[in-house]
Protein backbone atom coordinates (compact mmCIF):
# COMPACT_ATOMS: atom_id res chain seq x y z
CA MET A 1 68.38 1.07 23.27
CA PRO A 2 65.86 1.83 20.85
CA ARG A 3 62.97 -0.06 20.62
CA LEU A 4 61.34 -2.11 17.46
CA THR A 5 58.82 -3.04 17.23
CA ILE A 6 58.06 -5.88 14.09
CA VAL A 7 55.37 -7.93 12.64
CA ALA A 8 56.06 -10.77 10.42
CA ASP A 9 54.14 -14.05 8.50
CA ARG A 10 54.78 -16.77 10.99
CA HIS A 11 54.99 -19.10 8.01
CA ILE A 12 58.63 -17.48 7.08
CA TRP A 13 61.54 -20.03 7.27
CA GLU A 14 63.24 -19.71 10.87
CA VAL A 15 61.46 -16.14 11.31
CA LYS A 16 61.97 -16.36 14.77
CA SER A 17 65.96 -17.52 15.29
CA ALA A 18 66.18 -14.56 12.49
CA PHE A 19 64.12 -11.44 13.48
CA SER A 20 63.88 -11.93 17.11
CA GLU A 21 67.13 -10.10 18.03
CA LEU A 22 68.85 -7.18 15.87
CA PRO A 23 72.51 -5.91 16.93
CA GLY A 24 71.37 -2.14 18.98
CA TYR A 25 67.55 -3.17 18.92
CA GLN A 26 65.73 -4.00 21.64
CA VAL A 27 63.36 -6.14 19.52
CA ASN A 28 58.91 -6.90 19.74
CA LEU A 29 58.59 -9.43 17.30
CA THR A 30 54.80 -10.62 16.71
CA THR A 31 54.16 -13.40 13.94
CA LEU A 32 50.72 -13.88 12.67
CA GLU A 33 49.06 -15.87 10.05
CA ARG A 34 48.24 -14.03 7.36
CA ASN A 35 44.37 -13.80 7.10
CA GLU A 36 45.56 -11.87 11.21
CA ILE A 37 47.79 -9.28 9.17
CA ASN A 38 45.65 -6.59 8.96
CA ALA A 39 45.53 -3.05 9.26
CA GLU A 40 45.23 -3.61 13.48
CA ALA A 41 48.01 -5.57 14.11
CA VAL A 42 50.38 -3.61 11.97
CA ARG A 43 49.04 0.34 13.44
CA ASP A 44 51.76 0.08 15.98
CA ALA A 45 54.68 -1.80 14.17
CA ASP A 46 57.61 -0.05 12.58
CA ILE A 47 58.47 -3.31 10.46
CA LEU A 48 56.07 -5.57 8.39
CA LEU A 49 57.46 -8.50 6.92
CA VAL A 50 55.09 -10.28 4.73
CA ARG A 51 54.71 -13.39 1.77
CA SER A 52 53.31 -13.40 -1.48
CA GLY A 53 49.78 -13.72 -0.24
CA ILE A 54 49.24 -10.67 1.86
CA LYS A 55 48.44 -7.19 -0.49
CA VAL A 56 50.19 -4.05 1.25
CA GLY A 57 49.29 -0.57 0.30
CA ALA A 58 46.78 2.15 1.04
CA ASP A 59 43.73 -0.12 3.58
CA LEU A 60 46.92 -1.87 5.69
CA LEU A 61 49.40 0.66 6.60
CA ALA A 62 47.79 4.30 6.39
CA GLY A 63 47.37 4.90 9.50
CA SER A 64 50.72 2.66 10.71
CA ARG A 65 54.08 3.35 12.19
CA ILE A 66 55.98 1.47 9.11
CA ARG A 67 58.69 2.57 7.78
CA PHE A 68 59.79 -0.71 5.65
CA VAL A 69 58.24 -3.90 4.62
CA ALA A 70 60.05 -6.67 3.05
CA THR A 71 58.69 -10.14 1.38
CA ALA A 72 60.08 -12.72 1.61
CA THR A 73 59.02 -14.06 -1.73
CA VAL A 74 60.58 -13.19 -5.93
CA GLY A 75 57.50 -11.81 -6.70
CA ASP A 76 56.31 -8.20 -5.98
CA ASP A 77 53.20 -7.53 -7.64
CA HIS A 78 51.37 -7.86 -4.02
CA LEU A 79 52.91 -4.48 -3.14
CA ASP A 80 52.05 -1.06 -3.50
CA LYS A 81 55.32 -0.16 -4.70
CA PRO A 82 54.15 3.67 -5.61
CA TYR A 83 52.03 4.18 -2.40
CA MET A 84 55.48 3.03 -0.36
CA ASP A 85 57.45 5.09 -2.37
CA ASN A 86 54.47 8.35 -1.38
CA HIS A 87 54.52 7.67 2.35
CA GLY A 88 58.60 7.30 2.47
CA ILE A 89 58.31 3.47 3.35
CA ALA A 90 61.17 1.55 2.67
CA PHE A 91 60.63 -2.00 0.28
CA ALA A 92 62.68 -5.11 -0.84
CA THR A 93 61.50 -8.47 -1.51
CA ALA A 94 63.87 -11.99 -2.39
CA ALA A 95 64.19 -11.33 -5.99
CA GLY A 96 66.63 -13.68 -6.39
CA SER A 97 66.66 -15.94 -3.86
CA SER A 98 65.56 -19.07 -5.09
CA THR A 99 66.37 -18.82 -8.27
CA ARG A 100 68.54 -22.56 -8.19
CA SER A 101 65.39 -23.91 -6.84
CA VAL A 102 62.76 -22.36 -9.97
CA VAL A 103 65.75 -23.58 -12.53
CA GLU A 104 65.90 -27.39 -10.71
CA TYR A 105 61.88 -26.93 -10.89
CA ILE A 106 61.68 -26.79 -14.58
CA LEU A 107 64.47 -29.16 -15.36
CA ALA A 108 62.16 -31.95 -13.51
CA SER A 109 58.88 -31.09 -15.35
CA LEU A 110 61.05 -31.21 -18.45
CA LEU A 111 61.98 -34.17 -17.48
CA GLN A 112 59.48 -35.77 -15.84
CA LEU A 113 57.26 -34.54 -19.55
CA TYR A 114 60.83 -36.65 -21.35
CA ARG A 115 60.06 -39.85 -18.73
CA GLU A 116 56.48 -39.70 -19.60
CA GLN A 117 57.38 -39.33 -23.33
CA CYS A 118 55.17 -35.87 -24.15
CA ILE A 119 58.47 -34.30 -25.28
CA ASP A 120 61.93 -35.15 -26.79
CA LEU A 121 64.87 -34.53 -25.68
CA PRO A 122 67.60 -33.32 -26.61
CA GLU A 123 65.04 -32.21 -30.15
CA SER A 124 63.13 -30.42 -28.93
CA ARG A 125 63.39 -26.55 -29.25
CA ILE A 126 62.54 -24.14 -25.96
CA GLY A 127 60.95 -21.26 -26.03
CA ILE A 128 61.89 -18.73 -23.18
CA ILE A 129 59.91 -15.81 -21.90
CA GLY A 130 61.81 -13.62 -19.71
CA ALA A 131 65.05 -13.95 -19.97
CA GLY A 132 66.05 -12.40 -16.62
CA ARG A 133 67.79 -14.03 -13.66
CA ILE A 134 65.94 -16.95 -14.16
CA GLY A 135 65.22 -16.79 -17.26
CA SER A 136 69.05 -16.86 -18.32
CA SER A 137 69.41 -19.64 -15.98
CA VAL A 138 66.63 -21.50 -18.04
CA ILE A 139 68.25 -20.43 -20.61
CA ARG A 140 71.68 -21.56 -19.51
CA VAL A 141 70.81 -25.00 -18.74
CA SER A 142 68.67 -26.14 -21.73
CA LYS A 143 71.32 -25.70 -23.31
CA ALA A 144 73.41 -27.89 -21.59
CA LEU A 145 70.32 -30.07 -22.55
CA GLY A 146 71.35 -29.87 -25.82
CA MET A 147 68.31 -28.07 -26.86
CA ASN A 148 67.69 -25.04 -29.47
CA VAL A 149 66.81 -21.83 -27.47
CA LEU A 150 65.29 -19.33 -28.51
CA ALA A 151 64.22 -16.32 -25.41
CA ASN A 152 61.80 -13.68 -25.82
CA ASP A 153 62.51 -10.52 -23.31
CA PRO A 154 61.57 -7.35 -25.38
CA PRO A 155 62.66 -4.44 -21.96
CA LEU A 156 66.13 -6.39 -22.54
CA ALA A 157 66.38 -6.11 -25.69
CA ARG A 158 65.94 -2.47 -26.24
CA GLN A 159 68.67 -1.88 -23.84
CA GLY A 160 71.19 -4.15 -26.65
CA ALA A 161 70.56 -7.87 -25.76
CA LYS A 162 71.80 -10.41 -27.90
CA GLU A 163 70.51 -13.51 -29.22
CA LEU A 164 66.34 -12.39 -28.25
CA THR A 165 63.71 -13.10 -30.69
CA GLY A 166 60.41 -11.14 -30.95
CA LEU A 167 57.52 -13.29 -29.49
CA SER A 168 55.58 -13.83 -32.37
CA ASP A 169 58.14 -15.46 -34.09
CA LEU A 170 59.15 -17.61 -30.92
CA LEU A 171 55.59 -18.55 -30.50
CA GLN A 172 55.76 -19.89 -34.01
CA ARG A 173 59.35 -21.99 -33.91
CA ALA A 174 59.12 -23.00 -30.48
CA ASP A 175 57.58 -26.53 -28.68
CA ILE A 176 57.71 -25.82 -25.50
CA LEU A 177 57.11 -22.59 -23.67
CA THR A 178 58.22 -21.84 -20.29
CA LEU A 179 57.25 -18.68 -18.97
CA HIS A 180 59.82 -16.27 -16.14
CA THR A 181 58.49 -12.71 -16.35
CA PRO A 182 57.02 -10.45 -13.31
CA LEU A 183 53.41 -10.18 -13.48
CA THR A 184 53.06 -6.25 -14.25
CA ARG A 185 49.37 -5.23 -15.17
CA THR A 186 50.23 -1.56 -16.85
CA GLY A 187 53.51 -0.03 -19.11
CA LYS A 188 54.80 -1.21 -22.12
CA ASP A 189 55.56 -4.41 -21.18
CA ALA A 190 52.42 -5.00 -18.92
CA THR A 191 52.70 -9.03 -18.46
CA TYR A 192 48.99 -9.79 -17.53
CA HIS A 193 47.40 -12.41 -19.75
CA LEU A 194 50.74 -12.32 -21.99
CA ILE A 195 50.07 -15.64 -23.45
CA GLY A 196 45.70 -15.42 -24.12
CA ASP A 197 44.10 -17.28 -26.96
CA ASP A 198 45.78 -14.74 -29.81
CA GLN A 199 48.92 -15.54 -28.65
CA LEU A 200 48.13 -19.71 -28.30
CA LYS A 201 45.91 -19.62 -32.03
CA THR A 202 50.06 -19.06 -33.28
CA PHE A 203 52.13 -21.46 -30.63
CA ASN A 204 52.58 -24.22 -32.78
CA GLY A 205 54.27 -26.39 -30.15
CA ARG A 206 52.67 -29.04 -27.37
CA CYS A 207 53.91 -27.78 -24.73
CA ILE A 208 53.42 -24.82 -21.92
CA ILE A 209 55.44 -24.43 -18.66
CA ASN A 210 54.16 -21.34 -15.99
CA ALA A 211 56.24 -20.91 -13.08
CA ALA A 212 56.72 -17.43 -13.26
CA ARG A 213 53.21 -15.70 -12.05
CA GLY A 214 49.42 -16.95 -12.06
CA GLY A 215 47.76 -13.70 -14.76
CA VAL A 216 50.75 -14.28 -16.99
CA LEU A 217 49.24 -17.51 -18.43
CA HIS A 218 45.47 -16.60 -19.17
CA ASP A 219 44.13 -20.16 -17.48
CA GLU A 220 40.63 -20.75 -19.16
CA ALA A 221 42.77 -19.28 -22.08
CA LEU A 222 44.81 -22.44 -22.17
CA LEU A 223 41.58 -24.62 -20.81
CA ARG A 224 40.64 -24.15 -24.26
CA TRP A 225 43.75 -24.75 -25.70
CA LEU A 226 45.01 -27.65 -24.51
CA ASN A 227 41.18 -28.62 -25.06
CA GLY A 228 41.40 -27.81 -28.92
CA LYS A 229 43.75 -31.19 -29.77
CA LYS A 230 45.24 -34.21 -27.83
CA GLY A 231 49.18 -34.19 -27.79
CA ARG A 232 49.03 -30.93 -26.17
CA TYR A 233 50.74 -30.65 -22.13
CA ALA A 234 51.03 -28.00 -19.52
CA VAL A 235 52.69 -27.55 -16.40
CA LEU A 236 51.47 -25.39 -13.71
CA ASP A 237 52.73 -23.91 -10.49
CA CYS A 238 51.13 -20.93 -10.59
CA TRP A 239 47.95 -20.05 -11.30
CA GLU A 240 45.31 -17.45 -11.77
CA HIS A 241 43.14 -16.15 -8.53
CA GLU A 242 45.48 -17.95 -5.97
CA PRO A 243 44.31 -20.14 -3.74
CA ASN A 244 40.97 -20.59 -5.87
CA ILE A 245 42.72 -22.63 -8.86
CA SER A 246 40.84 -24.28 -11.86
CA ARG A 247 39.77 -27.23 -11.44
CA GLU A 248 39.31 -27.94 -15.00
CA LEU A 249 42.65 -27.53 -15.28
CA LEU A 250 43.89 -29.38 -12.81
CA SER A 251 41.79 -32.13 -13.90
CA HIS A 252 42.70 -32.10 -17.51
CA PRO A 253 44.13 -35.55 -18.29
CA GLN A 254 46.59 -33.25 -20.09
CA MET A 255 47.95 -31.41 -17.31
CA ILE A 256 51.36 -33.26 -16.83
CA ILE A 257 52.42 -31.52 -13.97
CA ALA A 258 50.06 -29.95 -11.77
CA THR A 259 51.92 -27.58 -8.15
CA PRO A 260 50.79 -25.37 -5.20
CA HIS A 261 52.83 -22.58 -6.61
CA ILE A 262 56.09 -24.70 -4.73
CA ALA A 263 59.01 -24.18 -7.30
CA GLY A 264 61.26 -22.34 -5.30
CA HIS A 265 60.01 -23.31 -2.28
CA SER A 266 63.16 -25.79 -1.97
CA VAL A 267 64.80 -25.89 1.76
CA ASP A 268 67.55 -23.87 0.92
CA GLY A 269 65.60 -21.37 -1.37
CA LYS A 270 62.89 -20.39 1.47
CA ALA A 271 65.95 -20.46 4.15
CA ALA A 272 67.56 -17.15 1.38
CA ASN A 273 64.13 -16.29 1.16
CA THR A 274 64.23 -15.11 4.48
CA GLN A 275 68.37 -14.05 4.11
CA PHE A 276 67.83 -11.80 1.69
CA VAL A 277 65.33 -9.82 3.95
CA TYR A 278 67.46 -10.54 6.89
CA ASP A 279 69.67 -8.67 5.10
CA ALA A 280 68.37 -5.69 3.90
CA LEU A 281 66.31 -4.81 7.01
CA CYS A 282 70.17 -4.52 8.30
CA ARG A 283 70.96 -2.26 5.49
CA PHE A 284 67.86 -0.62 6.45
CA LEU A 285 69.08 -0.18 9.73
CA ALA A 286 72.52 0.28 9.63
CA ILE A 287 73.63 -2.53 11.57
CA THR A 288 76.08 -5.51 11.17
CA PRO A 289 74.52 -9.03 10.02
CA ALA A 290 74.60 -11.38 12.85
CA TRP A 291 72.06 -14.17 12.14
CA HIS A 292 73.40 -16.79 8.60
CA MET A 293 70.64 -19.10 7.33
CA ARG A 294 73.76 -21.67 7.32
CA GLN A 295 73.19 -22.54 11.12
CA TYR A 296 69.87 -23.58 10.79
CA LEU A 297 69.88 -25.46 7.87
CA PRO A 298 69.82 -29.14 7.96
CA GLU A 299 72.93 -31.27 7.10
CA HIS A 300 72.87 -34.27 4.69
CA LYS A 301 74.45 -36.63 5.91
CA SER A 302 73.95 -39.71 4.15
CA GLY A 303 75.87 -41.31 1.42
CA PRO A 304 75.50 -40.55 -2.86
CA GLU A 305 72.11 -41.30 -4.50
CA VAL A 306 73.81 -43.89 -6.75
CA ILE A 307 72.16 -44.17 -10.58
CA SER A 308 71.40 -46.89 -12.40
CA SER A 309 72.62 -47.63 -15.85
CA ALA A 310 69.68 -46.43 -18.44
CA PRO A 311 69.31 -46.96 -22.34
CA SER A 312 70.25 -43.81 -23.33
CA LEU A 313 72.21 -40.44 -22.01
CA MET A 314 68.95 -38.02 -20.94
CA ALA A 315 67.39 -41.42 -19.73
CA SER A 316 70.10 -41.36 -17.64
CA ILE A 317 69.95 -37.72 -16.65
CA ALA A 318 66.84 -37.91 -15.97
CA ASN A 319 67.28 -40.90 -13.36
CA ALA A 320 69.38 -38.76 -11.50
CA CYS A 321 67.81 -35.07 -11.85
CA LEU A 322 63.96 -37.25 -10.45
CA SER A 323 65.94 -38.93 -7.87
CA LEU A 324 66.62 -36.17 -6.55
CA TYR A 325 63.17 -34.36 -7.14
CA PRO A 326 60.53 -36.47 -7.89
CA ILE A 327 58.15 -34.15 -8.67
CA ALA A 328 55.49 -36.33 -9.60
CA GLU A 329 54.61 -36.91 -5.84
CA ASP A 330 53.84 -32.94 -5.97
CA HIS A 331 51.38 -33.97 -8.49
CA LYS A 332 49.84 -36.51 -6.83
CA ARG A 333 49.45 -34.06 -4.00
CA LEU A 334 47.61 -31.72 -5.22
CA ARG A 335 45.28 -33.71 -7.44
CA CYS A 336 44.39 -35.71 -4.17
CA SER A 337 42.71 -32.17 -3.41
CA LEU A 338 39.73 -32.58 -6.23
CA ASP A 339 38.38 -35.44 -3.70
CA GLY A 340 36.89 -31.80 -2.24
CA ASN A 341 34.64 -28.93 -2.65
CA ASP A 342 35.96 -25.80 -4.15
CA ASP A 343 36.96 -24.23 -0.69
CA GLU A 344 38.54 -27.13 0.34
CA LEU A 345 40.27 -27.29 -2.96
CA ALA A 346 41.10 -23.72 -1.98
CA ALA A 347 42.78 -24.70 1.57
CA SER A 348 44.42 -27.90 0.74
CA PHE A 349 46.62 -25.57 -1.98
CA VAL A 350 47.26 -23.09 1.04
CA ARG A 351 48.14 -25.96 3.12
CA GLN A 352 50.42 -27.50 0.65
CA ARG A 353 52.13 -25.32 -0.27
CA ARG A 354 52.30 -24.17 3.79
CA HIS A 355 53.85 -27.34 5.13
CA TYR A 356 55.62 -28.67 1.77
CA PRO A 357 57.49 -31.72 2.25
CA PRO A 358 61.19 -30.99 2.50
CA ARG A 359 63.44 -30.68 -0.79
CA ARG A 360 67.22 -29.77 -1.10
CA GLN A 361 68.52 -28.07 -3.66
CA TRP A 362 70.84 -30.67 -6.09
CA ASP A 363 74.13 -29.46 -4.79
CA ILE A 364 73.06 -30.76 -1.05
CA LYS A 365 72.67 -34.87 -2.14
CA PRO A 366 76.01 -36.27 -4.31
CA VAL A 367 74.69 -38.86 -7.21
CA ARG A 368 77.23 -41.55 -8.50
CA PHE A 369 75.97 -43.29 -11.40
CA GLU A 370 76.90 -46.79 -12.12
CA LYS A 371 77.98 -46.28 -15.76
CA THR A 372 80.18 -43.07 -16.32
CA GLU A 373 80.98 -41.95 -19.60
CA PRO A 374 82.67 -38.57 -20.58
CA GLN A 375 79.59 -36.87 -22.12
CA LEU A 376 76.78 -37.10 -19.40
CA MET A 377 79.23 -36.36 -17.10
CA ASP A 378 79.45 -33.18 -18.60
CA ILE A 379 76.23 -32.31 -18.61
CA ALA A 380 75.19 -33.63 -15.34
CA THR A 381 77.99 -31.21 -13.99
CA ALA A 382 76.38 -28.34 -16.39
CA ILE A 383 72.86 -28.27 -14.65
CA GLY A 384 74.24 -28.53 -11.38
CA LEU A 385 74.16 -31.93 -10.25
CA ARG A 386 77.49 -32.55 -7.69
CA ILE A 387 78.99 -35.74 -8.89
CA MET A 388 80.41 -38.29 -6.52
């Protein structure tokens, strides 16, 4: 039986159950902390499994036996793909695995902003930059809420996609801006600092949400935009220079929701990350998968969440979604990190991301509305709530 040596980030969900045994191989699995994964640690490994905090390129891989790299994350800007292509190293990501979790984060953010009277729903016009897997889902649920939607995606527009608008037009017309692009630094459609001072000068709306990648939004420009006028608000899950995030932004009174890069970190999203990576490795090894995440996901055994009557339809939707995901609690936890110095803030960011409290997707726990009316049920179902 051939031997297979795997080095993996210790904090990949269920990494030991998924990768300790693979059909047809004698597996030697070593799990390490992020700062322990270095060139020496991977030199004699065949397979490397990482998360977004580990830069994978020549400094890490040169001189190693690595022939397959996978990241249990949607983003891949930490992977030097040209280097791996040039050295015959296959690679894979978990792109698409946590789409539902991120969309629920965006919905919870919108509804928390509505609850705090920062925006009007559904009257606000939302501008969605990036109409791929996540962006297209945000388009769908925004329309389900009754919002007017503008979407921008130059690569898709060149492929003939319909109902897209230019960035300058979107910035002038949107009330809310939400980002859903990868982080790329070169090429025709580079997204690094896609939204900076010049763009924010033309943005006539009042709220910006970034749950894409740090660096797509220029954080210093965002700070200047917030300082420019009261009645402007922000939601940040992805930050430049993570984990050394901006203390000024985190403490800003107009920062309504600030979280430690956890939009996709529902239990189900993290489980799907592992499943995607496991399946990709099985394809690479040409073996039949024998592990599935459903064996390890906890069952939901309690009864439905009862949603009391509210003054309006949108308030009822907010009560339901925010009972399932009280996103303000995530914000409070990160804001508490301001009590420490900069190093302690960075350490708290990492700790809160790594040990994020269990959050389940909305289809796991059913809800029951005290007052049922057809339009409410239609919206609730369309955005993914499980009605009982």
